[in-house]
């Protein structure tokens, strides 16, 4: 996929994440669409689309939404890099692949984000945020498996089993 298309996709994902998906909250929990697309693109596409998308989405979120510049970028890029490094040895049509990657990525995102915020600000209480992170993990998995299966079908022509 060309960089221009990835930039446009990242911009659309960012706009949807910051506007429309605010209305799709269930009990105050919203899926992290940016993380979902980073995991999906890193796992499915053989080139570095996931890393490029991680850099763009992290930069967009840091510039426009974050109080501290660079945190989302520092979290999204390692997630995309690790998944991309494991991409050759994945069973892409296995149902557990997106479930495991989305679950671990969401927990890593929350732990890293609040660790950074703790060291930068100092007054972060972890327990309520980890509960929210667990609920978001379930929501990310539900939405992410659907997105993963659609991209898998489009890219390779087969579905999850």
Protein backbone atom coordinates (compact mmCIF):
# COMPACT_ATOMS: atom_id res chain seq x y z
CA UNK A 1 0.00 0.00 0.00
CA UNK A 2 1.36 3.41 -0.90
CA UNK A 3 2.29 5.93 1.75
CA UNK A 4 -0.32 8.41 0.50
CA UNK A 5 -3.08 5.84 0.96
CA UNK A 6 -1.76 4.98 4.42
CA UNK A 7 -1.67 8.68 5.34
CA UNK A 8 -5.27 9.09 4.19
CA UNK A 9 -6.31 5.93 6.05
CA UNK A 10 -4.53 7.11 9.20
CA UNK A 11 -6.25 10.48 8.95
CA UNK A 12 -9.68 8.86 8.51
CA UNK A 13 -9.05 6.48 11.43
CA UNK A 14 -7.95 9.39 13.60
CA UNK A 15 -11.03 11.46 12.69
CA UNK A 16 -13.38 8.54 13.31
CA UNK A 17 -11.62 7.67 16.58
CA UNK A 18 -11.85 11.21 17.90
CA UNK A 19 -15.40 11.99 16.70
CA UNK A 20 -17.80 9.24 15.65
CA UNK A 21 -16.58 6.45 17.92
CA UNK A 22 -17.10 8.68 20.95
CA UNK A 23 -20.79 7.86 20.52
CA UNK A 24 -20.17 4.09 20.48
CA UNK A 25 -19.21 3.94 24.13
CA UNK A 26 -20.60 1.07 26.14
CA UNK A 27 -20.61 1.91 29.87
CA UNK A 28 -18.11 4.65 29.17
CA UNK A 29 -15.68 2.33 27.35
CA UNK A 30 -14.70 3.02 23.75
CA UNK A 31 -12.69 0.72 21.45
CA UNK A 32 -9.21 1.95 20.58
CA UNK A 33 -9.66 1.92 16.82
CA UNK A 34 -6.12 3.16 16.27
CA UNK A 35 -4.66 0.22 18.16
CA UNK A 36 -6.97 -2.21 16.37
CA UNK A 37 -5.88 -1.04 12.91
CA UNK A 38 -2.20 -1.03 13.90
CA UNK A 39 -2.47 -4.65 15.09
CA UNK A 40 -4.46 -5.71 12.01
CA UNK A 41 -2.12 -4.04 9.52
CA UNK A 42 1.00 -5.33 11.30
CA UNK A 43 -0.29 -8.90 11.37
CA UNK A 44 -1.82 -9.15 7.91
CA UNK A 45 0.31 -7.11 5.55
CA UNK A 46 3.80 -8.45 4.81
CA UNK A 47 5.45 -5.06 4.32
CA UNK A 48 5.85 -2.31 6.86
CA UNK A 49 2.34 -0.84 6.58
CA UNK A 50 1.69 -1.46 10.28
CA UNK A 51 4.80 0.48 11.31
CA UNK A 52 3.96 3.39 9.02
CA UNK A 53 0.39 3.43 10.31
CA UNK A 54 1.66 3.30 13.91
CA UNK A 55 3.91 6.32 13.35
CA UNK A 56 1.15 8.32 11.66
CA UNK A 57 -1.60 7.48 14.15
CA UNK A 58 0.72 8.00 17.11
CA UNK A 59 1.78 11.38 15.77
CA UNK A 60 -1.81 12.45 15.07
CA UNK A 61 -2.97 11.45 18.53
CA UNK A 62 0.00 13.06 20.25
CA UNK A 63 -0.24 16.32 18.35
CA UNK A 64 -3.99 16.80 18.55
CA UNK A 65 -5.24 14.90 21.61
CA UNK A 66 -2.47 14.16 24.08
CA UNK A 67 -1.25 16.33 26.91
CA UNK A 68 2.26 14.92 26.51
CA UNK A 69 3.91 14.77 23.11
CA UNK A 70 5.26 11.40 21.98
CA UNK A 71 3.63 8.93 24.36
CA UNK A 72 1.28 7.27 21.85
CA UNK A 73 4.04 7.17 19.27
CA UNK A 74 6.38 5.49 21.76
CA UNK A 75 3.73 2.88 22.52
CA UNK A 76 2.29 2.18 19.06
CA UNK A 77 5.62 1.72 17.25
CA UNK A 78 6.96 -1.11 19.48
CA UNK A 79 3.60 -2.88 19.28
CA UNK A 80 3.67 -2.70 15.48
CA UNK A 81 7.34 -3.69 15.37
CA UNK A 82 6.90 -6.80 17.53
CA UNK A 83 3.82 -7.96 15.61
CA UNK A 84 5.54 -7.28 12.30
CA UNK A 85 8.59 -9.25 13.46
CA UNK A 86 6.33 -12.22 14.27
CA UNK A 87 4.31 -11.85 11.05
CA UNK A 88 6.22 -14.54 9.12
CA UNK A 89 5.55 -17.22 11.73
CA UNK A 90 1.84 -16.46 12.20
CA UNK A 91 -1.12 -18.58 11.27
CA UNK A 92 -3.06 -15.66 9.86
CA UNK A 93 -6.34 -17.56 9.50
CA UNK A 94 -6.34 -18.78 13.11
CA UNK A 95 -8.96 -17.13 15.33
CA UNK A 96 -6.55 -16.92 18.27
CA UNK A 97 -4.06 -14.74 16.36
CA UNK A 98 -6.07 -11.50 16.47
CA UNK A 99 -7.46 -12.31 19.92
CA UNK A 100 -4.00 -12.76 21.41
CA UNK A 101 -2.44 -9.79 19.68
CA UNK A 102 -5.30 -7.43 20.48
CA UNK A 103 -5.48 -8.56 24.10
CA UNK A 104 -1.76 -8.30 24.77
CA UNK A 105 -1.47 -5.02 22.84
CA UNK A 106 -4.29 -3.39 24.79
CA UNK A 107 -2.85 -4.41 28.15
CA UNK A 108 0.63 -3.30 27.04
CA UNK A 109 -0.81 0.03 25.86
CA UNK A 110 -2.47 0.69 29.22
CA UNK A 111 0.51 -0.39 31.30
CA UNK A 112 2.96 1.64 29.22
CA UNK A 113 0.71 4.71 29.00
CA UNK A 114 0.06 4.93 32.71
CA UNK A 115 3.66 4.12 33.56
CA UNK A 116 4.76 7.04 31.41
CA UNK A 117 2.11 9.27 32.96
CA UNK A 118 3.12 8.18 36.46
CA UNK A 119 6.75 9.13 35.89
CA UNK A 120 5.86 12.37 34.10
CA UNK A 121 3.06 13.55 36.39
CA UNK A 122 3.23 11.42 39.49
CA UNK A 123 -0.42 11.35 40.57
CA UNK A 124 -1.86 8.42 38.61
CA UNK A 125 -3.86 5.72 40.37
CA UNK A 126 -3.42 2.45 38.49
CA UNK A 127 -6.24 0.24 39.75
CA UNK A 128 -9.27 2.01 38.20
CA UNK A 129 -7.41 2.46 34.91
CA UNK A 130 -6.46 -1.21 34.74
CA UNK A 131 -10.11 -2.16 35.21
CA UNK A 132 -11.01 0.18 32.35
CA UNK A 133 -8.13 -1.30 30.35
CA UNK A 134 -9.47 -4.82 30.86
CA UNK A 135 -12.95 -3.77 29.71
CA UNK A 136 -11.45 -1.99 26.72
CA UNK A 137 -9.45 -5.10 25.92
CA UNK A 138 -12.68 -7.11 25.61
CA UNK A 139 -14.22 -4.39 23.42
CA UNK A 140 -11.06 -4.17 21.27
CA UNK A 141 -11.08 -7.93 20.76
CA UNK A 142 -14.74 -7.94 19.73
CA UNK A 143 -14.31 -5.11 17.22
CA UNK A 144 -10.80 -6.15 16.19
CA UNK A 145 -11.67 -9.72 15.25
CA UNK A 146 -14.37 -8.37 12.92
CA UNK A 147 -11.95 -5.87 11.31
CA UNK A 148 -9.21 -8.52 11.11
CA UNK A 149 -11.50 -11.01 9.37
CA UNK A 150 -12.60 -8.40 6.80
CA UNK A 151 -9.02 -7.42 5.93
CA UNK A 152 -7.91 -11.07 5.89
CA UNK A 153 -10.70 -11.93 3.45
CA UNK A 154 -9.84 -8.92 1.27
CA UNK A 155 -6.08 -9.49 1.25
CA UNK A 156 -5.80 -13.30 1.12
CA UNK A 157 -9.27 -14.50 0.15
CA UNK A 158 -9.89 -16.74 3.14
CA UNK A 159 -11.58 -16.23 6.50
CA UNK A 160 -10.84 -17.06 10.11
CA UNK A 161 -11.24 -20.58 11.38
